[in-house]
Amino acid sequence: QTLVPKPDKVYRVASYLKRPPRLLIQALGRQLDHPIKTKSEQKFIYSRLKLLDLQFCLNIHQSLWQSYFDLSYEQHQWPVSVHRSLDYE
């Protein structure tokens, strides 16, 4: 059985996404030197920023667990819980 952590347990929302979306969109528009005027553009960009941030955090989390696995594999040192699960096979 593989345990998959719930995204809300792994993912911590970035501070820039905790602020009002309007401020973020205005700042982004100034940075791009192109105002983001329509509501549909604003919603699209904000929703994609949230998805990209979630993907980034999940990639970091996966990378961390991969490094734990690689280290354990190289040194042949496994947590007790892994030994127990391998004993059942």
PDB file of N, CA and C in Angstrom:
ATOM      1  N   GLN A   1       0.842  -1.177   0.000  1.00  0.00           N
ATOM      2  CA  GLN A   1       0.000   0.000   0.000  1.00  0.00           C
ATOM      3  C   GLN A   1       0.887   1.240   0.000  1.00  0.00           C
ATOM      4  N   THR A   2       0.653   2.112  -0.940  1.00  0.00           N
ATOM      5  CA  THR A   2       1.413   3.351  -1.035  1.00  0.00           C
ATOM      6  C   THR A   2       0.589   4.482  -0.451  1.00  0.00           C
ATOM      7  N   LEU A   3       1.198   5.206   0.451  1.00  0.00           N
ATOM      8  CA  LEU A   3       0.513   6.349   1.035  1.00  0.00           C
ATOM      9  C   LEU A   3       0.866   7.599   0.248  1.00  0.00           C
ATOM     10  N   VAL A   4      -0.141   8.257  -0.244  1.00  0.00           N
ATOM     11  CA  VAL A   4       0.067   9.501  -0.973  1.00  0.00           C
ATOM     12  C   VAL A   4      -0.399  10.633  -0.070  1.00  0.00           C
ATOM     13  N   PRO A   5       0.496  11.550   0.269  1.00  0.00           N
ATOM     14  CA  PRO A   5       0.086  12.642   1.147  1.00  0.00           C
ATOM     15  C   PRO A   5      -0.914  13.553   0.454  1.00  0.00           C
ATOM     16  N   LYS A   6      -1.833  14.066   1.235  1.00  0.00           N
ATOM     17  CA  LYS A   6      -2.795  15.013   0.692  1.00  0.00           C
ATOM     18  C   LYS A   6      -2.061  16.311   0.372  1.00  0.00           C
ATOM     19  N   PRO A   7      -2.405  16.945  -0.748  1.00  0.00           N
ATOM     20  CA  PRO A   7      -1.696  18.175  -1.111  1.00  0.00           C
ATOM     21  C   PRO A   7      -1.727  19.241  -0.024  1.00  0.00           C
ATOM     22  N   ASP A   8      -2.823  19.322   0.736  1.00  0.00           N
ATOM     23  CA  ASP A   8      -2.882  20.357   1.769  1.00  0.00           C
ATOM     24  C   ASP A   8      -1.934  20.066   2.925  1.00  0.00           C
ATOM     25  N   LYS A   9      -1.458  18.831   3.048  1.00  0.00           N
ATOM     26  CA  LYS A   9      -0.479  18.490   4.080  1.00  0.00           C
ATOM     27  C   LYS A   9       0.940  18.796   3.609  1.00  0.00           C
ATOM     28  N   VAL A  10       1.159  18.766   2.316  1.00  0.00           N
ATOM     29  CA  VAL A  10       2.479  18.973   1.732  1.00  0.00           C
ATOM     30  C   VAL A  10       2.655  20.425   1.309  1.00  0.00           C
ATOM     31  N   TYR A  11       1.607  20.985   0.794  1.00  0.00           N
ATOM     32  CA  TYR A  11       1.673  22.276   0.127  1.00  0.00           C
ATOM     33  C   TYR A  11       1.345  23.415   1.074  1.00  0.00           C
ATOM     34  N   ARG A  12       2.252  24.355   1.155  1.00  0.00           N
ATOM     35  CA  ARG A  12       2.000  25.586   1.899  1.00  0.00           C
ATOM     36  C   ARG A  12       1.920  26.714   0.879  1.00  0.00           C
ATOM     37  N   VAL A  13       0.804  27.410   0.879  1.00  0.00           N
ATOM     38  CA  VAL A  13       0.571  28.464  -0.104  1.00  0.00           C
ATOM     39  C   VAL A  13       1.635  29.553   0.028  1.00  0.00           C
ATOM     40  N   ALA A  14       2.174  29.964  -1.099  1.00  0.00           N
ATOM     41  CA  ALA A  14       3.186  31.021  -1.116  1.00  0.00           C
ATOM     42  C   ALA A  14       2.588  32.330  -0.613  1.00  0.00           C
ATOM     43  N   SER A  15       3.417  33.129   0.018  1.00  0.00           N
ATOM     44  CA  SER A  15       2.928  34.374   0.622  1.00  0.00           C
ATOM     45  C   SER A  15       2.342  35.325  -0.421  1.00  0.00           C
ATOM     46  N   TYR A  16       2.895  35.332  -1.624  1.00  0.00           N
ATOM     47  CA  TYR A  16       2.351  36.247  -2.636  1.00  0.00           C
ATOM     48  C   TYR A  16       0.946  35.834  -3.076  1.00  0.00           C
ATOM     49  N   LEU A  17       0.587  34.569  -2.884  1.00  0.00           N
ATOM     50  CA  LEU A  17      -0.764  34.124  -3.235  1.00  0.00           C
ATOM     51  C   LEU A  17      -1.758  34.343  -2.099  1.00  0.00           C
ATOM     52  N   LYS A  18      -1.264  34.718  -0.933  1.00  0.00           N
ATOM     53  CA  LYS A  18      -2.150  34.998   0.198  1.00  0.00           C
ATOM     54  C   LYS A  18      -2.677  36.430   0.159  1.00  0.00           C
ATOM     55  N   ARG A  19      -2.053  37.257  -0.625  1.00  0.00           N
ATOM     56  CA  ARG A  19      -2.476  38.652  -0.754  1.00  0.00           C
ATOM     57  C   ARG A  19      -3.643  38.737  -1.737  1.00  0.00           C
ATOM     58  N   PRO A  20      -4.348  39.851  -1.731  1.00  0.00           N
ATOM     59  CA  PRO A  20      -5.465  39.990  -2.678  1.00  0.00           C
ATOM     60  C   PRO A  20      -4.989  39.817  -4.125  1.00  0.00           C
ATOM     61  N   PRO A  21      -5.696  39.023  -4.906  1.00  0.00           N
ATOM     62  CA  PRO A  21      -5.291  38.777  -6.295  1.00  0.00           C
ATOM     63  C   PRO A  21      -5.127  40.065  -7.102  1.00  0.00           C
ATOM     64  N   ARG A  22      -5.948  41.055  -6.814  1.00  0.00           N
ATOM     65  CA  ARG A  22      -5.889  42.322  -7.544  1.00  0.00           C
ATOM     66  C   ARG A  22      -4.495  42.945  -7.458  1.00  0.00           C
ATOM     67  N   LEU A  23      -3.894  42.920  -6.254  1.00  0.00           N
ATOM     68  CA  LEU A  23      -2.562  43.506  -6.072  1.00  0.00           C
ATOM     69  C   LEU A  23      -1.508  42.735  -6.859  1.00  0.00           C
ATOM     70  N   LEU A  24      -1.616  41.437  -6.845  1.00  0.00           N
ATOM     71  CA  LEU A  24      -0.669  40.600  -7.584  1.00  0.00           C
ATOM     72  C   LEU A  24      -0.773  40.848  -9.087  1.00  0.00           C
ATOM     73  N   ILE A  25      -1.987  40.918  -9.583  1.00  0.00           N
ATOM     74  CA  ILE A  25      -2.209  41.143 -11.016  1.00  0.00           C
ATOM     75  C   ILE A  25      -1.693  42.521 -11.428  1.00  0.00           C
ATOM     76  N   GLN A  26      -1.926  43.533 -10.582  1.00  0.00           N
ATOM     77  CA  GLN A  26      -1.422  44.879 -10.893  1.00  0.00           C
ATOM     78  C   GLN A  26       0.104  44.887 -10.954  1.00  0.00           C
ATOM     79  N   ALA A  27       0.733  44.269  -9.968  1.00  0.00           N
ATOM     80  CA  ALA A  27       2.199  44.228  -9.934  1.00  0.00           C
ATOM     81  C   ALA A  27       2.748  43.466 -11.138  1.00  0.00           C
ATOM     82  N   LEU A  28       2.106  42.372 -11.484  1.00  0.00           N
ATOM     83  CA  LEU A  28       2.543  41.588 -12.640  1.00  0.00           C
ATOM     84  C   LEU A  28       2.388  42.391 -13.931  1.00  0.00           C
ATOM     85  N   GLY A  29       1.278  43.090 -14.055  1.00  0.00           N
ATOM     86  CA  GLY A  29       1.054  43.930 -15.235  1.00  0.00           C
ATOM     87  C   GLY A  29       2.105  45.012 -15.373  1.00  0.00           C
ATOM     88  N   ARG A  30       2.489  45.626 -14.251  1.00  0.00           N
ATOM     89  CA  ARG A  30       3.549  46.647 -14.285  1.00  0.00           C
ATOM     90  C   ARG A  30       4.887  46.023 -14.666  1.00  0.00           C
ATOM     91  N   GLN A  31       5.168  44.851 -14.116  1.00  0.00           N
ATOM     92  CA  GLN A  31       6.438  44.173 -14.409  1.00  0.00           C
ATOM     93  C   GLN A  31       6.534  43.793 -15.889  1.00  0.00           C
ATOM     94  N   LEU A  32       5.423  43.366 -16.446  1.00  0.00           N
ATOM     95  CA  LEU A  32       5.396  42.971 -17.859  1.00  0.00           C
ATOM     96  C   LEU A  32       5.246  44.165 -18.797  1.00  0.00           C
ATOM     97  N   ASP A  33       4.976  45.332 -18.221  1.00  0.00           N
ATOM     98  CA  ASP A  33       4.712  46.544 -18.993  1.00  0.00           C
ATOM     99  C   ASP A  33       3.528  46.324 -19.935  1.00  0.00           C
ATOM    100  N   HIS A  34       2.559  45.585 -19.432  1.00  0.00           N
ATOM    101  CA  HIS A  34       1.337  45.292 -20.186  1.00  0.00           C
ATOM    102  C   HIS A  34       0.210  45.099 -19.171  1.00  0.00           C
ATOM    103  N   PRO A  35      -0.662  46.082 -19.037  1.00  0.00           N
ATOM    104  CA  PRO A  35      -1.734  45.937 -18.045  1.00  0.00           C
ATOM    105  C   PRO A  35      -2.657  44.761 -18.382  1.00  0.00           C
ATOM    106  N   ILE A  36      -3.024  44.037 -17.344  1.00  0.00           N
ATOM    107  CA  ILE A  36      -3.919  42.887 -17.496  1.00  0.00           C
ATOM    108  C   ILE A  36      -5.305  43.386 -17.111  1.00  0.00           C
ATOM    109  N   LYS A  37      -6.110  43.683 -18.126  1.00  0.00           N
ATOM    110  CA  LYS A  37      -7.341  44.426 -17.894  1.00  0.00           C
ATOM    111  C   LYS A  37      -8.575  43.554 -17.694  1.00  0.00           C
ATOM    112  N   THR A  38      -8.750  42.557 -18.533  1.00  0.00           N
ATOM    113  CA  THR A  38     -10.017  41.825 -18.480  1.00  0.00           C
ATOM    114  C   THR A  38     -10.045  40.850 -17.308  1.00  0.00           C
ATOM    115  N   LYS A  39     -11.235  40.651 -16.796  1.00  0.00           N
ATOM    116  CA  LYS A  39     -11.412  39.716 -15.671  1.00  0.00           C
ATOM    117  C   LYS A  39     -11.014  38.302 -16.065  1.00  0.00           C
ATOM    118  N   SER A  40     -11.295  37.923 -17.298  1.00  0.00           N
ATOM    119  CA  SER A  40     -10.948  36.558 -17.721  1.00  0.00           C
ATOM    120  C   SER A  40      -9.432  36.368 -17.754  1.00  0.00           C
ATOM    121  N   GLU A  41      -8.693  37.385 -18.213  1.00  0.00           N
ATOM    122  CA  GLU A  41      -7.226  37.306 -18.183  1.00  0.00           C
ATOM    123  C   GLU A  41      -6.722  37.199 -16.744  1.00  0.00           C
ATOM    124  N   GLN A  42      -7.285  38.014 -15.877  1.00  0.00           N
ATOM    125  CA  GLN A  42      -6.863  38.024 -14.476  1.00  0.00           C
ATOM    126  C   GLN A  42      -7.118  36.675 -13.817  1.00  0.00           C
ATOM    127  N   LYS A  43      -8.304  36.133 -14.033  1.00  0.00           N
ATOM    128  CA  LYS A  43      -8.633  34.824 -13.451  1.00  0.00           C
ATOM    129  C   LYS A  43      -7.726  33.734 -14.006  1.00  0.00           C
ATOM    130  N   PHE A  44      -7.493  33.776 -15.308  1.00  0.00           N
ATOM    131  CA  PHE A  44      -6.637  32.784 -15.946  1.00  0.00           C
ATOM    132  C   PHE A  44      -5.230  32.826 -15.356  1.00  0.00           C
ATOM    133  N   ILE A  45      -4.651  34.012 -15.307  1.00  0.00           N
ATOM    134  CA  ILE A  45      -3.281  34.158 -14.799  1.00  0.00           C
ATOM    135  C   ILE A  45      -3.201  33.747 -13.340  1.00  0.00           C
ATOM    136  N   TYR A  46      -4.153  34.189 -12.531  1.00  0.00           N
ATOM    137  CA  TYR A  46      -4.116  33.864 -11.106  1.00  0.00           C
ATOM    138  C   TYR A  46      -4.266  32.356 -10.885  1.00  0.00           C
ATOM    139  N   SER A  47      -5.166  31.723 -11.613  1.00  0.00           N
ATOM    140  CA  SER A  47      -5.343  30.272 -11.449  1.00  0.00           C
ATOM    141  C   SER A  47      -4.091  29.519 -11.888  1.00  0.00           C
ATOM    142  N   ARG A  48      -3.439  29.988 -12.951  1.00  0.00           N
ATOM    143  CA  ARG A  48      -2.206  29.329 -13.401  1.00  0.00           C
ATOM    144  C   ARG A  48      -1.066  29.545 -12.420  1.00  0.00           C
ATOM    145  N   LEU A  49      -0.999  30.720 -11.815  1.00  0.00           N
ATOM    146  CA  LEU A  49       0.030  30.965 -10.799  1.00  0.00           C
ATOM    147  C   LEU A  49      -0.140  30.013  -9.619  1.00  0.00           C
ATOM    148  N   LYS A  50      -1.390  29.798  -9.217  1.00  0.00           N
ATOM    149  CA  LYS A  50      -1.644  28.864  -8.113  1.00  0.00           C
ATOM    150  C   LYS A  50      -1.217  27.452  -8.492  1.00  0.00           C
ATOM    151  N   LEU A  51      -1.524  27.042  -9.715  1.00  0.00           N
ATOM    152  CA  LEU A  51      -1.136  25.701 -10.164  1.00  0.00           C
ATOM    153  C   LEU A  51       0.378  25.553 -10.272  1.00  0.00           C
ATOM    154  N   LEU A  52       1.046  26.572 -10.800  1.00  0.00           N
ATOM    155  CA  LEU A  52       2.508  26.519 -10.910  1.00  0.00           C
ATOM    156  C   LEU A  52       3.165  26.474  -9.539  1.00  0.00           C
ATOM    157  N   ASP A  53       2.614  27.223  -8.603  1.00  0.00           N
ATOM    158  CA  ASP A  53       3.161  27.217  -7.252  1.00  0.00           C
ATOM    159  C   ASP A  53       2.976  25.844  -6.604  1.00  0.00           C
ATOM    160  N   LEU A  54       1.802  25.257  -6.786  1.00  0.00           N
ATOM    161  CA  LEU A  54       1.544  23.917  -6.257  1.00  0.00           C
ATOM    162  C   LEU A  54       2.487  22.901  -6.896  1.00  0.00           C
ATOM    163  N   GLN A  55       2.664  22.979  -8.197  1.00  0.00           N
ATOM    164  CA  GLN A  55       3.568  22.057  -8.888  1.00  0.00           C
ATOM    165  C   GLN A  55       4.993  22.209  -8.372  1.00  0.00           C
ATOM    166  N   PHE A  56       5.443  23.431  -8.178  1.00  0.00           N
ATOM    167  CA  PHE A  56       6.785  23.679  -7.663  1.00  0.00           C
ATOM    168  C   PHE A  56       6.960  23.038  -6.287  1.00  0.00           C
ATOM    169  N   CYS A  57       5.992  23.259  -5.401  1.00  0.00           N
ATOM    170  CA  CYS A  57       6.095  22.699  -4.049  1.00  0.00           C
ATOM    171  C   CYS A  57       6.070  21.175  -4.062  1.00  0.00           C
ATOM    172  N   LEU A  58       5.225  20.601  -4.880  1.00  0.00           N
ATOM    173  CA  LEU A  58       5.164  19.143  -4.959  1.00  0.00           C
ATOM    174  C   LEU A  58       6.445  18.570  -5.566  1.00  0.00           C
ATOM    175  N   ASN A  59       7.035  19.271  -6.517  1.00  0.00           N
ATOM    176  CA  ASN A  59       8.319  18.824  -7.077  1.00  0.00           C
ATOM    177  C   ASN A  59       9.420  18.864  -6.026  1.00  0.00           C
ATOM    178  N   ILE A  60       9.433  19.901  -5.208  1.00  0.00           N
ATOM    179  CA  ILE A  60      10.417  19.997  -4.126  1.00  0.00           C
ATOM    180  C   ILE A  60      10.218  18.845  -3.145  1.00  0.00           C
ATOM    181  N   HIS A  61       8.968  18.580  -2.802  1.00  0.00           N
ATOM    182  CA  HIS A  61       8.644  17.498  -1.870  1.00  0.00           C
ATOM    183  C   HIS A  61       9.083  16.145  -2.449  1.00  0.00           C
ATOM    184  N   GLN A  62       8.785  15.919  -3.723  1.00  0.00           N
ATOM    185  CA  GLN A  62       9.173  14.670  -4.373  1.00  0.00           C
ATOM    186  C   GLN A  62      10.694  14.542  -4.423  1.00  0.00           C
ATOM    187  N   SER A  63      11.367  15.628  -4.698  1.00  0.00           N
ATOM    188  CA  SER A  63      12.827  15.616  -4.751  1.00  0.00           C
ATOM    189  C   SER A  63      13.430  15.270  -3.390  1.00  0.00           C
ATOM    190  N   LEU A  64      12.843  15.797  -2.348  1.00  0.00           N
ATOM    191  CA  LEU A  64      13.312  15.496  -0.995  1.00  0.00           C
ATOM    192  C   LEU A  64      13.181  14.004  -0.701  1.00  0.00           C
ATOM    193  N   TRP A  65      12.003  13.433  -0.997  1.00  0.00           N
ATOM    194  CA  TRP A  65      11.805  12.006  -0.739  1.00  0.00           C
ATOM    195  C   TRP A  65      12.691  11.151  -1.638  1.00  0.00           C
ATOM    196  N   GLN A  66      12.927  11.604  -2.856  1.00  0.00           N
ATOM    197  CA  GLN A  66      13.821  10.867  -3.749  1.00  0.00           C
ATOM    198  C   GLN A  66      15.234  10.858  -3.193  1.00  0.00           C
ATOM    199  N   SER A  67      15.668  11.973  -2.622  1.00  0.00           N
ATOM    200  CA  SER A  67      17.017  12.013  -2.044  1.00  0.00           C
ATOM    201  C   SER A  67      17.107  11.094  -0.827  1.00  0.00           C
ATOM    202  N   TYR A  68      16.036  11.009  -0.023  1.00  0.00           N
ATOM    203  CA  TYR A  68      16.017  10.055   1.096  1.00  0.00           C
ATOM    204  C   TYR A  68      16.155   8.631   0.574  1.00  0.00           C
ATOM    205  N   PHE A  69      15.401   8.322  -0.466  1.00  0.00           N
ATOM    206  CA  PHE A  69      15.452   6.982  -1.041  1.00  0.00           C
ATOM    207  C   PHE A  69      16.847   6.675  -1.581  1.00  0.00           C
ATOM    208  N   ASP A  70      17.410   7.603  -2.352  1.00  0.00           N
ATOM    209  CA  ASP A  70      18.738   7.391  -2.943  1.00  0.00           C
ATOM    210  C   ASP A  70      19.792   7.165  -1.869  1.00  0.00           C
ATOM    211  N   LEU A  71      19.739   7.952  -0.833  1.00  0.00           N
ATOM    212  CA  LEU A  71      20.699   7.814   0.262  1.00  0.00           C
ATOM    213  C   LEU A  71      20.549   6.459   0.950  1.00  0.00           C
ATOM    214  N   SER A  72      19.319   6.063   1.213  1.00  0.00           N
ATOM    215  CA  SER A  72      19.076   4.762   1.847  1.00  0.00           C
ATOM    216  C   SER A  72      19.534   3.624   0.948  1.00  0.00           C
ATOM    217  N   TYR A  73      19.277   3.756  -0.334  1.00  0.00           N
ATOM    218  CA  TYR A  73      19.663   2.723  -1.292  1.00  0.00           C
ATOM    219  C   TYR A  73      21.182   2.583  -1.357  1.00  0.00           C
ATOM    220  N   GLU A  74      21.878   3.702  -1.412  1.00  0.00           N
ATOM    221  CA  GLU A  74      23.341   3.671  -1.502  1.00  0.00           C
ATOM    222  C   GLU A  74      23.979   3.101  -0.242  1.00  0.00           C
ATOM    223  N   GLN A  75      23.419   3.444   0.907  1.00  0.00           N
ATOM    224  CA  GLN A  75      24.031   3.034   2.172  1.00  0.00           C
ATOM    225  C   GLN A  75      23.388   1.777   2.764  1.00  0.00           C
ATOM    226  N   HIS A  76      22.386   1.239   2.093  1.00  0.00           N
ATOM    227  CA  HIS A  76      21.677   0.039   2.558  1.00  0.00           C
ATOM    228  C   HIS A  76      21.174   0.213   3.987  1.00  0.00           C
ATOM    229  N   GLN A  77      20.668   1.378   4.260  1.00  0.00           N
ATOM    230  CA  GLN A  77      20.081   1.655   5.567  1.00  0.00           C
ATOM    231  C   GLN A  77      18.644   2.094   5.340  1.00  0.00           C
ATOM    232  N   TRP A  78      17.728   1.228   5.805  1.00  0.00           N
ATOM    233  CA  TRP A  78      16.318   1.490   5.596  1.00  0.00           C
ATOM    234  C   TRP A  78      15.628   1.682   6.934  1.00  0.00           C
ATOM    235  N   PRO A  79      14.617   2.524   6.969  1.00  0.00           N
ATOM    236  CA  PRO A  79      13.840   2.662   8.204  1.00  0.00           C
ATOM    237  C   PRO A  79      13.176   1.336   8.570  1.00  0.00           C
ATOM    238  N   VAL A  80      12.895   1.166   9.831  1.00  0.00           N
ATOM    239  CA  VAL A  80      12.283  -0.074  10.320  1.00  0.00           C
ATOM    240  C   VAL A  80      10.971  -0.349   9.593  1.00  0.00           C
ATOM    241  N   SER A  81      10.194   0.673   9.332  1.00  0.00           N
ATOM    242  CA  SER A  81       8.907   0.465   8.661  1.00  0.00           C
ATOM    243  C   SER A  81       9.088  -0.140   7.270  1.00  0.00           C
ATOM    244  N   VAL A  82      10.162   0.202   6.576  1.00  0.00           N
ATOM    245  CA  VAL A  82      10.416  -0.378   5.256  1.00  0.00           C
ATOM    246  C   VAL A  82      10.833  -1.831   5.399  1.00  0.00           C
ATOM    247  N   HIS A  83      11.659  -2.133   6.390  1.00  0.00           N
ATOM    248  CA  HIS A  83      12.053  -3.520   6.633  1.00  0.00           C
ATOM    249  C   HIS A  83      10.828  -4.381   6.909  1.00  0.00           C
ATOM    250  N   ARG A  84       9.924  -3.877   7.695  1.00  0.00           N
ATOM    251  CA  ARG A  84       8.704  -4.635   8.017  1.00  0.00           C
ATOM    252  C   ARG A  84       7.880  -4.893   6.762  1.00  0.00           C
ATOM    253  N   SER A  85       7.742  -3.887   5.926  1.00  0.00           N
ATOM    254  CA  SER A  85       6.930  -4.078   4.719  1.00  0.00           C
ATOM    255  C   SER A  85       7.603  -5.049   3.748  1.00  0.00           C
ATOM    256  N   LEU A  86       8.920  -5.062   3.702  1.00  0.00           N
ATOM    257  CA  LEU A  86       9.626  -5.997   2.826  1.00  0.00           C
ATOM    258  C   LEU A  86       9.559  -7.426   3.357  1.00  0.00           C
ATOM    259  N   ASP A  87       9.442  -7.583   4.667  1.00  0.00           N
ATOM    260  CA  ASP A  87       9.342  -8.912   5.262  1.00  0.00           C
ATOM    261  C   ASP A  87       8.054  -9.618   4.864  1.00  0.00           C
ATOM    262  N   TYR A  88       7.018  -8.869   4.547  1.00  0.00           N
ATOM    263  CA  TYR A  88       5.736  -9.465   4.196  1.00  0.00           C
ATOM    264  C   TYR A  88       5.704  -9.966   2.766  1.00  0.00           C
ATOM    265  N   GLU A  89       6.604  -9.527   1.958  1.00  0.00           N
ATOM    266  CA  GLU A  89       6.577  -9.933   0.540  1.00  0.00           C
ATOM    267  C   GLU A  89       7.179 -11.292   0.337  1.00  0.00           C
TER     268      GLU A  89
END
